[in-house]
């Protein structure tokens, strides 16, 4: 396996889950352009909780189409409701790192949550070392409006957590759901 860019966001609605979205590295610029085209005048970024239902459908449908045409796919790491938020996040990150370790090189991009940045860094140091991938996996935190592709895991996590029609709508890009 070659390299991968993995875009990560979580939702705490109805439990705790992390969505990790990847795309074909050579198609990431095109993917950014597709997401950028969805940003309305006056918006700095996309965020599902701030969108109308009609916009949510359009965003989710675009991401599913990007799955078909640009290779966007995702894995859901579901930690449920057992344990503290940090324990649940830790379980999700451990599974994510173990999956990322399968690549020769992987870059993990987190949606920035300042309250978790230093904690995430410590976790990632420990987890990448434990996976034997400390030098092969890099990670960064970006604010949502500086990396349009963070809208993809945000949308996937939001739709998955809502269930029903929303989960069915986004299901085509979800290649696996891992309970951690």
N, C-alpha and C. Protein backbone atom coordinates (compact mmCIF):
# COMPACT_ATOMS: atom_id res chain seq x y z
N UNK A 1 0.85 -1.19 0.00
CA UNK A 1 0.00 0.00 0.00
C UNK A 1 0.88 1.24 0.00
N UNK A 2 0.41 2.25 -0.65
CA UNK A 2 1.18 3.48 -0.77
C UNK A 2 0.94 4.41 0.41
N UNK A 3 0.47 5.60 0.10
CA UNK A 3 0.24 6.58 1.16
C UNK A 3 -1.24 6.96 1.22
N UNK A 4 -1.59 7.58 2.33
CA UNK A 4 -2.98 7.98 2.51
C UNK A 4 -3.06 9.27 3.30
N UNK A 5 -4.00 10.09 2.95
CA UNK A 5 -4.39 11.25 3.75
C UNK A 5 -5.74 10.88 4.37
N UNK A 6 -5.83 11.03 5.68
CA UNK A 6 -7.02 10.63 6.41
C UNK A 6 -7.57 11.85 7.13
N UNK A 7 -8.81 12.20 6.86
CA UNK A 7 -9.45 13.38 7.45
C UNK A 7 -10.43 12.91 8.51
N UNK A 8 -10.32 13.48 9.70
CA UNK A 8 -10.99 12.92 10.88
C UNK A 8 -11.84 13.97 11.59
N UNK A 9 -13.04 13.56 11.94
CA UNK A 9 -13.91 14.37 12.80
C UNK A 9 -14.75 13.42 13.63
N UNK A 10 -15.30 13.93 14.72
CA UNK A 10 -16.09 13.09 15.60
C UNK A 10 -17.44 13.73 15.86
N UNK A 11 -18.33 12.91 16.39
CA UNK A 11 -19.59 13.42 16.89
C UNK A 11 -19.84 12.76 18.23
N UNK A 12 -20.45 13.53 19.10
CA UNK A 12 -20.77 13.03 20.44
C UNK A 12 -22.26 12.81 20.59
N UNK A 13 -22.99 12.97 19.50
CA UNK A 13 -24.44 12.77 19.52
C UNK A 13 -24.73 11.27 19.57
N UNK A 14 -25.56 10.84 20.50
CA UNK A 14 -25.97 9.43 20.60
C UNK A 14 -24.78 8.50 20.77
N UNK A 15 -23.85 8.84 21.62
CA UNK A 15 -22.65 8.05 21.81
C UNK A 15 -21.44 8.83 21.31
N UNK A 16 -20.40 8.13 20.96
CA UNK A 16 -19.18 8.79 20.48
C UNK A 16 -18.66 8.01 19.29
N UNK A 17 -18.52 8.70 18.17
CA UNK A 17 -17.94 8.04 17.01
C UNK A 17 -17.03 8.98 16.26
N UNK A 18 -16.06 8.37 15.62
CA UNK A 18 -15.09 9.09 14.79
C UNK A 18 -15.27 8.61 13.36
N UNK A 19 -15.36 9.57 12.44
CA UNK A 19 -15.38 9.25 11.02
C UNK A 19 -14.02 9.60 10.44
N UNK A 20 -13.44 8.66 9.72
CA UNK A 20 -12.14 8.87 9.08
C UNK A 20 -12.33 8.68 7.58
N UNK A 21 -12.15 9.76 6.83
CA UNK A 21 -12.39 9.73 5.39
C UNK A 21 -11.07 9.81 4.63
N UNK A 22 -10.97 9.02 3.58
CA UNK A 22 -9.80 9.03 2.73
C UNK A 22 -10.24 9.23 1.28
N UNK A 23 -9.27 9.60 0.49
CA UNK A 23 -9.50 9.73 -0.93
C UNK A 23 -8.25 9.32 -1.67
N UNK A 24 -8.33 9.26 -2.96
CA UNK A 24 -7.17 8.94 -3.77
C UNK A 24 -6.27 10.17 -3.74
N UNK A 25 -5.01 10.02 -3.30
CA UNK A 25 -4.14 11.20 -3.15
C UNK A 25 -4.08 12.09 -4.39
N UNK A 26 -4.06 11.52 -5.56
CA UNK A 26 -3.98 12.34 -6.78
C UNK A 26 -5.27 13.10 -7.05
N UNK A 27 -6.36 12.76 -6.35
CA UNK A 27 -7.65 13.41 -6.56
C UNK A 27 -8.01 14.41 -5.45
N UNK A 28 -7.12 14.62 -4.48
CA UNK A 28 -7.46 15.49 -3.35
C UNK A 28 -7.71 16.94 -3.77
N UNK A 29 -6.97 17.45 -4.72
CA UNK A 29 -7.19 18.83 -5.18
C UNK A 29 -8.57 18.96 -5.82
N UNK A 30 -8.96 17.97 -6.61
CA UNK A 30 -10.29 17.98 -7.23
C UNK A 30 -11.37 17.87 -6.13
N UNK A 31 -11.11 17.03 -5.14
CA UNK A 31 -12.06 16.88 -4.03
C UNK A 31 -12.23 18.20 -3.28
N UNK A 32 -11.12 18.91 -3.03
CA UNK A 32 -11.21 20.22 -2.37
C UNK A 32 -12.07 21.19 -3.18
N UNK A 33 -11.89 21.15 -4.49
CA UNK A 33 -12.66 22.03 -5.37
C UNK A 33 -14.15 21.71 -5.29
N UNK A 34 -14.49 20.41 -5.26
CA UNK A 34 -15.89 19.98 -5.15
C UNK A 34 -16.51 20.48 -3.84
N UNK A 35 -15.79 20.33 -2.74
CA UNK A 35 -16.29 20.80 -1.44
C UNK A 35 -16.36 22.32 -1.45
N UNK A 36 -15.34 22.96 -1.98
CA UNK A 36 -15.34 24.43 -2.03
C UNK A 36 -16.52 24.99 -2.79
N UNK A 37 -16.98 24.28 -3.81
CA UNK A 37 -18.12 24.74 -4.60
C UNK A 37 -19.42 24.73 -3.79
N UNK A 38 -19.44 23.98 -2.68
CA UNK A 38 -20.63 23.92 -1.83
C UNK A 38 -20.70 25.06 -0.81
N UNK A 39 -19.58 25.74 -0.62
CA UNK A 39 -19.55 26.82 0.37
C UNK A 39 -20.26 28.04 -0.20
N UNK A 40 -21.25 28.51 0.53
CA UNK A 40 -22.05 29.65 0.08
C UNK A 40 -21.34 30.97 0.34
N UNK A 41 -21.70 32.02 -0.40
CA UNK A 41 -21.13 33.33 -0.11
C UNK A 41 -21.36 33.70 1.36
N UNK A 42 -20.31 34.17 2.00
CA UNK A 42 -20.40 34.53 3.41
C UNK A 42 -20.04 33.39 4.36
N UNK A 43 -20.03 32.16 3.85
CA UNK A 43 -19.62 31.02 4.68
C UNK A 43 -18.11 30.87 4.60
N UNK A 44 -17.50 30.47 5.71
CA UNK A 44 -16.07 30.19 5.70
C UNK A 44 -15.80 28.70 5.51
N UNK A 45 -16.78 27.87 5.90
CA UNK A 45 -16.62 26.42 5.78
C UNK A 45 -17.99 25.77 5.86
N UNK A 46 -18.01 24.47 5.64
CA UNK A 46 -19.25 23.70 5.80
C UNK A 46 -19.23 23.04 7.17
N UNK A 47 -20.38 23.03 7.82
CA UNK A 47 -20.53 22.32 9.08
C UNK A 47 -21.98 21.89 9.17
N UNK A 48 -22.22 20.60 9.24
CA UNK A 48 -23.58 20.09 9.12
C UNK A 48 -24.56 20.67 10.13
N UNK A 49 -24.12 20.89 11.35
CA UNK A 49 -25.09 21.37 12.34
C UNK A 49 -25.60 22.78 12.03
N UNK A 50 -24.91 23.49 11.13
CA UNK A 50 -25.31 24.86 10.80
C UNK A 50 -26.09 24.95 9.49
N UNK A 51 -26.34 23.82 8.85
CA UNK A 51 -26.98 23.84 7.53
C UNK A 51 -28.46 23.48 7.61
N UNK A 52 -29.22 23.95 6.64
CA UNK A 52 -30.63 23.57 6.53
C UNK A 52 -30.71 22.12 6.06
N UNK A 53 -31.87 21.50 6.20
CA UNK A 53 -32.03 20.12 5.74
C UNK A 53 -31.77 19.98 4.25
N UNK A 54 -32.22 20.93 3.46
CA UNK A 54 -32.00 20.86 2.01
C UNK A 54 -30.51 20.92 1.70
N UNK A 55 -29.79 21.78 2.37
CA UNK A 55 -28.33 21.87 2.17
C UNK A 55 -27.64 20.60 2.67
N UNK A 56 -28.10 20.07 3.80
CA UNK A 56 -27.51 18.83 4.32
C UNK A 56 -27.64 17.71 3.29
N UNK A 57 -28.81 17.62 2.67
CA UNK A 57 -29.02 16.59 1.63
C UNK A 57 -28.07 16.81 0.46
N UNK A 58 -27.95 18.06 0.03
CA UNK A 58 -27.07 18.37 -1.10
C UNK A 58 -25.61 18.04 -0.77
N UNK A 59 -25.16 18.39 0.42
CA UNK A 59 -23.79 18.12 0.83
C UNK A 59 -23.55 16.61 0.90
N UNK A 60 -24.45 15.89 1.55
CA UNK A 60 -24.30 14.44 1.67
C UNK A 60 -24.32 13.78 0.29
N UNK A 61 -25.22 14.20 -0.57
CA UNK A 61 -25.30 13.63 -1.92
C UNK A 61 -24.03 13.90 -2.71
N UNK A 62 -23.46 15.10 -2.55
CA UNK A 62 -22.21 15.43 -3.25
C UNK A 62 -21.09 14.52 -2.78
N UNK A 63 -21.02 14.27 -1.48
CA UNK A 63 -19.96 13.40 -0.95
C UNK A 63 -20.13 11.97 -1.47
N UNK A 64 -21.36 11.49 -1.55
CA UNK A 64 -21.59 10.15 -2.10
C UNK A 64 -21.15 10.11 -3.57
N UNK A 65 -21.46 11.15 -4.32
CA UNK A 65 -21.02 11.22 -5.72
C UNK A 65 -19.50 11.25 -5.79
N UNK A 66 -18.86 11.99 -4.87
CA UNK A 66 -17.40 12.03 -4.82
C UNK A 66 -16.83 10.64 -4.51
N UNK A 67 -17.57 9.86 -3.76
CA UNK A 67 -17.14 8.48 -3.50
C UNK A 67 -17.09 7.68 -4.79
N UNK A 68 -18.09 7.89 -5.61
CA UNK A 68 -18.17 7.16 -6.88
C UNK A 68 -17.13 7.65 -7.88
N UNK A 69 -16.91 8.96 -7.94
CA UNK A 69 -16.05 9.53 -8.99
C UNK A 69 -14.62 9.81 -8.55
N UNK A 70 -14.42 10.08 -7.26
CA UNK A 70 -13.10 10.49 -6.77
C UNK A 70 -12.52 9.56 -5.72
N UNK A 71 -13.20 8.47 -5.44
CA UNK A 71 -12.66 7.50 -4.51
C UNK A 71 -12.77 7.84 -3.04
N UNK A 72 -13.64 8.78 -2.68
CA UNK A 72 -13.83 9.11 -1.26
C UNK A 72 -14.49 7.92 -0.57
N UNK A 73 -13.92 7.53 0.57
CA UNK A 73 -14.51 6.45 1.36
C UNK A 73 -14.22 6.74 2.83
N UNK A 74 -14.93 6.04 3.70
CA UNK A 74 -14.78 6.33 5.12
C UNK A 74 -14.90 5.06 5.95
N UNK A 75 -14.31 5.16 7.14
CA UNK A 75 -14.47 4.16 8.18
C UNK A 75 -15.04 4.88 9.39
N UNK A 76 -16.03 4.26 10.02
CA UNK A 76 -16.61 4.78 11.26
C UNK A 76 -16.05 3.96 12.41
N UNK A 77 -15.50 4.65 13.41
CA UNK A 77 -15.05 4.00 14.64
C UNK A 77 -16.05 4.40 15.71
N UNK A 78 -16.81 3.42 16.19
CA UNK A 78 -17.91 3.69 17.11
C UNK A 78 -17.56 3.21 18.51
N UNK A 79 -17.42 4.17 19.43
CA UNK A 79 -17.07 3.84 20.82
C UNK A 79 -18.29 3.79 21.72
N UNK A 80 -19.46 3.98 21.17
CA UNK A 80 -20.68 3.89 21.97
C UNK A 80 -20.73 4.88 23.11
N UNK A 81 -21.24 4.41 24.25
CA UNK A 81 -21.44 5.30 25.40
C UNK A 81 -20.67 4.86 26.64
N UNK A 82 -19.90 3.79 26.53
CA UNK A 82 -19.18 3.27 27.69
C UNK A 82 -17.89 4.04 27.93
N UNK A 83 -17.72 4.54 29.17
CA UNK A 83 -16.50 5.24 29.55
C UNK A 83 -16.63 6.74 29.39
N UNK A 84 -15.56 7.43 29.77
CA UNK A 84 -15.53 8.88 29.65
C UNK A 84 -15.32 9.24 28.18
N UNK A 85 -15.52 10.51 27.85
CA UNK A 85 -15.32 10.96 26.49
C UNK A 85 -13.89 10.69 26.03
N UNK A 86 -12.91 10.96 26.88
CA UNK A 86 -11.51 10.74 26.49
C UNK A 86 -11.20 9.25 26.35
N UNK A 87 -11.80 8.41 27.17
CA UNK A 87 -11.60 6.96 27.01
C UNK A 87 -12.17 6.49 25.67
N UNK A 88 -13.35 7.01 25.33
CA UNK A 88 -13.96 6.63 24.06
C UNK A 88 -13.13 7.14 22.88
N UNK A 89 -12.66 8.38 22.98
CA UNK A 89 -11.82 8.94 21.92
C UNK A 89 -10.53 8.13 21.79
N UNK A 90 -9.96 7.76 22.91
CA UNK A 90 -8.72 6.98 22.89
C UNK A 90 -8.92 5.65 22.16
N UNK A 91 -10.03 4.98 22.40
CA UNK A 91 -10.31 3.71 21.71
C UNK A 91 -10.44 3.93 20.20
N UNK A 92 -11.12 5.02 19.83
CA UNK A 92 -11.28 5.33 18.40
C UNK A 92 -9.93 5.63 17.76
N UNK A 93 -9.11 6.44 18.43
CA UNK A 93 -7.81 6.80 17.87
C UNK A 93 -6.90 5.59 17.75
N UNK A 94 -6.96 4.70 18.72
CA UNK A 94 -6.13 3.49 18.66
C UNK A 94 -6.49 2.67 17.42
N UNK A 95 -7.76 2.47 17.17
CA UNK A 95 -8.19 1.71 15.98
C UNK A 95 -7.81 2.45 14.70
N UNK A 96 -7.96 3.77 14.69
CA UNK A 96 -7.58 4.58 13.54
C UNK A 96 -6.09 4.43 13.25
N UNK A 97 -5.26 4.56 14.27
CA UNK A 97 -3.81 4.46 14.08
C UNK A 97 -3.43 3.06 13.59
N UNK A 98 -4.05 2.04 14.15
CA UNK A 98 -3.75 0.68 13.70
C UNK A 98 -4.11 0.49 12.23
N UNK A 99 -5.21 1.09 11.79
CA UNK A 99 -5.56 1.03 10.37
C UNK A 99 -4.58 1.85 9.52
N UNK A 100 -4.21 3.04 10.00
CA UNK A 100 -3.28 3.90 9.25
C UNK A 100 -1.90 3.26 9.14
N UNK A 101 -1.54 2.44 10.11
CA UNK A 101 -0.22 1.78 10.10
C UNK A 101 -0.07 0.79 8.96
N UNK A 102 -1.16 0.45 8.30
CA UNK A 102 -1.11 -0.47 7.16
C UNK A 102 -0.52 0.20 5.91
N UNK A 103 -0.48 1.53 5.92
CA UNK A 103 0.08 2.28 4.79
C UNK A 103 1.57 2.50 4.99
N UNK A 104 2.29 2.66 3.87
CA UNK A 104 3.71 3.00 3.96
C UNK A 104 3.88 4.36 4.64
N UNK A 105 2.97 5.29 4.30
CA UNK A 105 2.95 6.62 4.92
C UNK A 105 1.50 7.05 5.03
N UNK A 106 1.18 7.69 6.15
CA UNK A 106 -0.18 8.21 6.34
C UNK A 106 -0.11 9.55 7.03
N UNK A 107 -0.96 10.44 6.60
CA UNK A 107 -1.11 11.75 7.25
C UNK A 107 -2.54 11.83 7.75
N UNK A 108 -2.68 12.03 9.05
CA UNK A 108 -3.99 12.14 9.67
C UNK A 108 -4.25 13.62 9.96
N UNK A 109 -5.36 14.12 9.48
CA UNK A 109 -5.73 15.52 9.66
C UNK A 109 -6.98 15.57 10.54
N UNK A 110 -6.81 16.16 11.71
CA UNK A 110 -7.92 16.29 12.67
C UNK A 110 -8.57 17.66 12.54
N UNK A 111 -9.88 17.70 12.72
CA UNK A 111 -10.60 18.96 12.89
C UNK A 111 -10.17 19.51 14.26
N UNK A 112 -9.67 20.71 14.28
CA UNK A 112 -9.10 21.28 15.50
C UNK A 112 -10.15 21.53 16.58
N UNK A 113 -9.91 20.95 17.73
CA UNK A 113 -10.64 21.25 18.95
C UNK A 113 -9.56 21.61 19.96
N UNK A 114 -9.43 22.89 20.24
CA UNK A 114 -8.34 23.36 21.12
C UNK A 114 -8.31 22.64 22.46
N UNK A 115 -9.47 22.21 22.94
CA UNK A 115 -9.51 21.54 24.24
C UNK A 115 -8.89 20.15 24.18
N UNK A 116 -8.71 19.61 22.97
CA UNK A 116 -8.16 18.27 22.81
C UNK A 116 -6.78 18.24 22.15
N UNK A 117 -6.29 19.37 21.67
CA UNK A 117 -5.06 19.36 20.87
C UNK A 117 -3.89 18.72 21.61
N UNK A 118 -3.55 19.16 22.80
CA UNK A 118 -2.39 18.60 23.50
C UNK A 118 -2.64 17.15 23.91
N UNK A 119 -3.87 16.84 24.31
CA UNK A 119 -4.21 15.46 24.67
C UNK A 119 -4.06 14.55 23.45
N UNK A 120 -4.58 15.01 22.29
CA UNK A 120 -4.45 14.24 21.05
C UNK A 120 -2.97 14.00 20.71
N UNK A 121 -2.16 15.03 20.83
CA UNK A 121 -0.73 14.89 20.51
C UNK A 121 -0.10 13.78 21.34
N UNK A 122 -0.36 13.80 22.65
CA UNK A 122 0.21 12.77 23.52
C UNK A 122 -0.31 11.39 23.13
N UNK A 123 -1.61 11.30 22.88
CA UNK A 123 -2.18 10.02 22.45
C UNK A 123 -1.54 9.53 21.16
N UNK A 124 -1.37 10.42 20.20
CA UNK A 124 -0.82 10.02 18.91
C UNK A 124 0.63 9.59 19.03
N UNK A 125 1.40 10.23 19.88
CA UNK A 125 2.79 9.80 20.11
C UNK A 125 2.78 8.37 20.63
N UNK A 126 1.98 8.13 21.65
CA UNK A 126 1.93 6.80 22.25
C UNK A 126 1.37 5.75 21.29
N UNK A 127 0.30 6.08 20.61
CA UNK A 127 -0.36 5.11 19.74
C UNK A 127 0.46 4.77 18.49
N UNK A 128 1.10 5.78 17.89
CA UNK A 128 1.92 5.50 16.71
C UNK A 128 3.14 4.66 17.08
N UNK A 129 3.72 4.93 18.25
CA UNK A 129 4.85 4.11 18.72
C UNK A 129 4.40 2.68 18.96
N UNK A 130 3.27 2.52 19.65
CA UNK A 130 2.75 1.18 19.96
C UNK A 130 2.45 0.39 18.69
N UNK A 131 2.04 1.09 17.63
CA UNK A 131 1.73 0.43 16.35
C UNK A 131 2.98 0.21 15.50
N UNK A 132 4.12 0.68 16.00
CA UNK A 132 5.36 0.55 15.24
C UNK A 132 5.39 1.42 14.02
N UNK A 133 4.67 2.54 14.09
CA UNK A 133 4.53 3.40 12.91
C UNK A 133 4.83 4.86 13.22
N UNK A 134 5.61 5.11 14.27
CA UNK A 134 5.88 6.48 14.70
C UNK A 134 6.44 7.39 13.63
N UNK A 135 7.23 6.82 12.72
CA UNK A 135 7.83 7.65 11.67
C UNK A 135 7.03 7.63 10.38
N UNK A 136 6.08 6.72 10.27
CA UNK A 136 5.30 6.59 9.04
C UNK A 136 3.97 7.32 9.10
N UNK A 137 3.52 7.65 10.31
CA UNK A 137 2.24 8.34 10.46
C UNK A 137 2.50 9.74 11.00
N UNK A 138 2.06 10.73 10.25
CA UNK A 138 2.11 12.11 10.74
C UNK A 138 0.68 12.56 11.01
N UNK A 139 0.54 13.62 11.78
CA UNK A 139 -0.79 14.10 12.12
C UNK A 139 -0.73 15.59 12.37
N UNK A 140 -1.83 16.24 12.05
CA UNK A 140 -1.96 17.68 12.24
C UNK A 140 -3.39 18.01 12.61
N UNK A 141 -3.55 19.14 13.25
CA UNK A 141 -4.87 19.69 13.55
C UNK A 141 -5.06 20.94 12.70
N UNK A 142 -6.18 21.01 12.00
CA UNK A 142 -6.49 22.18 11.18
C UNK A 142 -7.84 22.74 11.60
N UNK A 143 -7.96 24.06 11.52
CA UNK A 143 -9.28 24.64 11.69
C UNK A 143 -10.08 24.32 10.43
N UNK A 144 -11.34 24.10 10.60
CA UNK A 144 -12.22 23.65 9.53
C UNK A 144 -12.11 24.51 8.28
N UNK A 145 -12.02 25.82 8.44
CA UNK A 145 -12.03 26.67 7.25
C UNK A 145 -10.68 26.71 6.52
N UNK A 146 -9.64 26.09 7.08
CA UNK A 146 -8.36 26.04 6.37
C UNK A 146 -8.17 24.74 5.60
N UNK A 147 -9.04 23.75 5.84
CA UNK A 147 -8.96 22.48 5.11
C UNK A 147 -10.38 22.03 4.76
N UNK A 148 -10.82 22.36 3.53
CA UNK A 148 -12.19 22.03 3.13
C UNK A 148 -12.54 20.55 3.25
N UNK A 149 -11.56 19.66 3.11
CA UNK A 149 -11.87 18.23 3.15
C UNK A 149 -12.31 17.76 4.53
N UNK A 150 -12.14 18.58 5.56
CA UNK A 150 -12.67 18.22 6.88
C UNK A 150 -14.20 18.23 6.90
N UNK A 151 -14.81 18.84 5.89
CA UNK A 151 -16.27 18.79 5.78
C UNK A 151 -16.75 17.36 5.49
N UNK A 152 -15.89 16.54 4.92
CA UNK A 152 -16.31 15.17 4.57
C UNK A 152 -16.53 14.33 5.82
N UNK A 153 -15.55 14.20 6.73
CA UNK A 153 -15.85 13.40 7.93
C UNK A 153 -16.91 14.04 8.82
N UNK A 154 -17.00 15.37 8.81
CA UNK A 154 -18.06 16.04 9.57
C UNK A 154 -19.42 15.58 9.06
N UNK A 155 -19.59 15.59 7.76
CA UNK A 155 -20.86 15.19 7.15
C UNK A 155 -21.15 13.71 7.41
N UNK A 156 -20.15 12.88 7.23
CA UNK A 156 -20.35 11.44 7.42
C UNK A 156 -20.71 11.14 8.87
N UNK A 157 -19.97 11.73 9.82
CA UNK A 157 -20.25 11.50 11.25
C UNK A 157 -21.64 12.00 11.60
N UNK A 158 -22.01 13.17 11.13
CA UNK A 158 -23.32 13.75 11.44
C UNK A 158 -24.43 12.84 10.91
N UNK A 159 -24.31 12.45 9.64
CA UNK A 159 -25.35 11.60 9.03
C UNK A 159 -25.44 10.25 9.73
N UNK A 160 -24.29 9.66 10.04
CA UNK A 160 -24.29 8.34 10.67
C UNK A 160 -24.95 8.40 12.04
N UNK A 161 -24.60 9.41 12.81
CA UNK A 161 -25.17 9.54 14.16
C UNK A 161 -26.67 9.79 14.13
N UNK A 162 -27.17 10.48 13.10
CA UNK A 162 -28.60 10.76 13.00
C UNK A 162 -29.40 9.51 12.68
N UNK A 163 -28.77 8.57 11.99
CA UNK A 163 -29.46 7.32 11.65
C UNK A 163 -30.51 7.53 10.57
N UNK A 164 -31.36 6.52 10.41
CA UNK A 164 -32.49 6.60 9.47
C UNK A 164 -32.10 7.00 8.07
N UNK A 165 -32.87 7.95 7.52
CA UNK A 165 -32.65 8.45 6.16
C UNK A 165 -31.23 8.97 5.98
N UNK A 166 -30.72 9.66 7.00
CA UNK A 166 -29.38 10.27 6.88
C UNK A 166 -28.30 9.20 6.78
N UNK A 167 -28.39 8.18 7.60
CA UNK A 167 -27.40 7.09 7.54
C UNK A 167 -27.49 6.39 6.20
N UNK A 168 -28.70 6.10 5.75
CA UNK A 168 -28.88 5.44 4.46
C UNK A 168 -28.30 6.29 3.32
N UNK A 169 -28.47 7.59 3.42
CA UNK A 169 -27.98 8.51 2.38
C UNK A 169 -26.46 8.45 2.26
N UNK A 170 -25.74 8.39 3.40
CA UNK A 170 -24.28 8.46 3.38
C UNK A 170 -23.64 7.08 3.30
N UNK A 171 -24.43 6.03 3.50
CA UNK A 171 -23.91 4.65 3.57
C UNK A 171 -23.02 4.25 2.40
N UNK A 172 -23.27 4.68 1.17
CA UNK A 172 -22.41 4.25 0.06
C UNK A 172 -20.93 4.57 0.21
N UNK A 173 -20.56 5.58 0.98
CA UNK A 173 -19.13 5.90 1.14
C UNK A 173 -18.53 5.27 2.39
N UNK A 174 -19.35 4.67 3.23
CA UNK A 174 -18.86 4.06 4.46
C UNK A 174 -18.47 2.61 4.15
N UNK A 175 -17.18 2.36 4.15
CA UNK A 175 -16.71 1.00 3.79
C UNK A 175 -16.67 0.08 4.99
N UNK A 176 -16.62 0.62 6.20
CA UNK A 176 -16.57 -0.24 7.38
C UNK A 176 -17.03 0.53 8.61
N UNK A 177 -17.62 -0.19 9.55
CA UNK A 177 -17.98 0.36 10.86
C UNK A 177 -17.32 -0.55 11.89
N UNK A 178 -16.48 0.04 12.72
CA UNK A 178 -15.72 -0.74 13.69
C UNK A 178 -16.13 -0.32 15.08
N UNK A 179 -16.68 -1.26 15.85
CA UNK A 179 -17.02 -1.00 17.24
C UNK A 179 -15.75 -1.14 18.07
N UNK A 180 -15.45 -0.11 18.84
CA UNK A 180 -14.21 -0.12 19.65
C UNK A 180 -14.54 -0.04 21.14
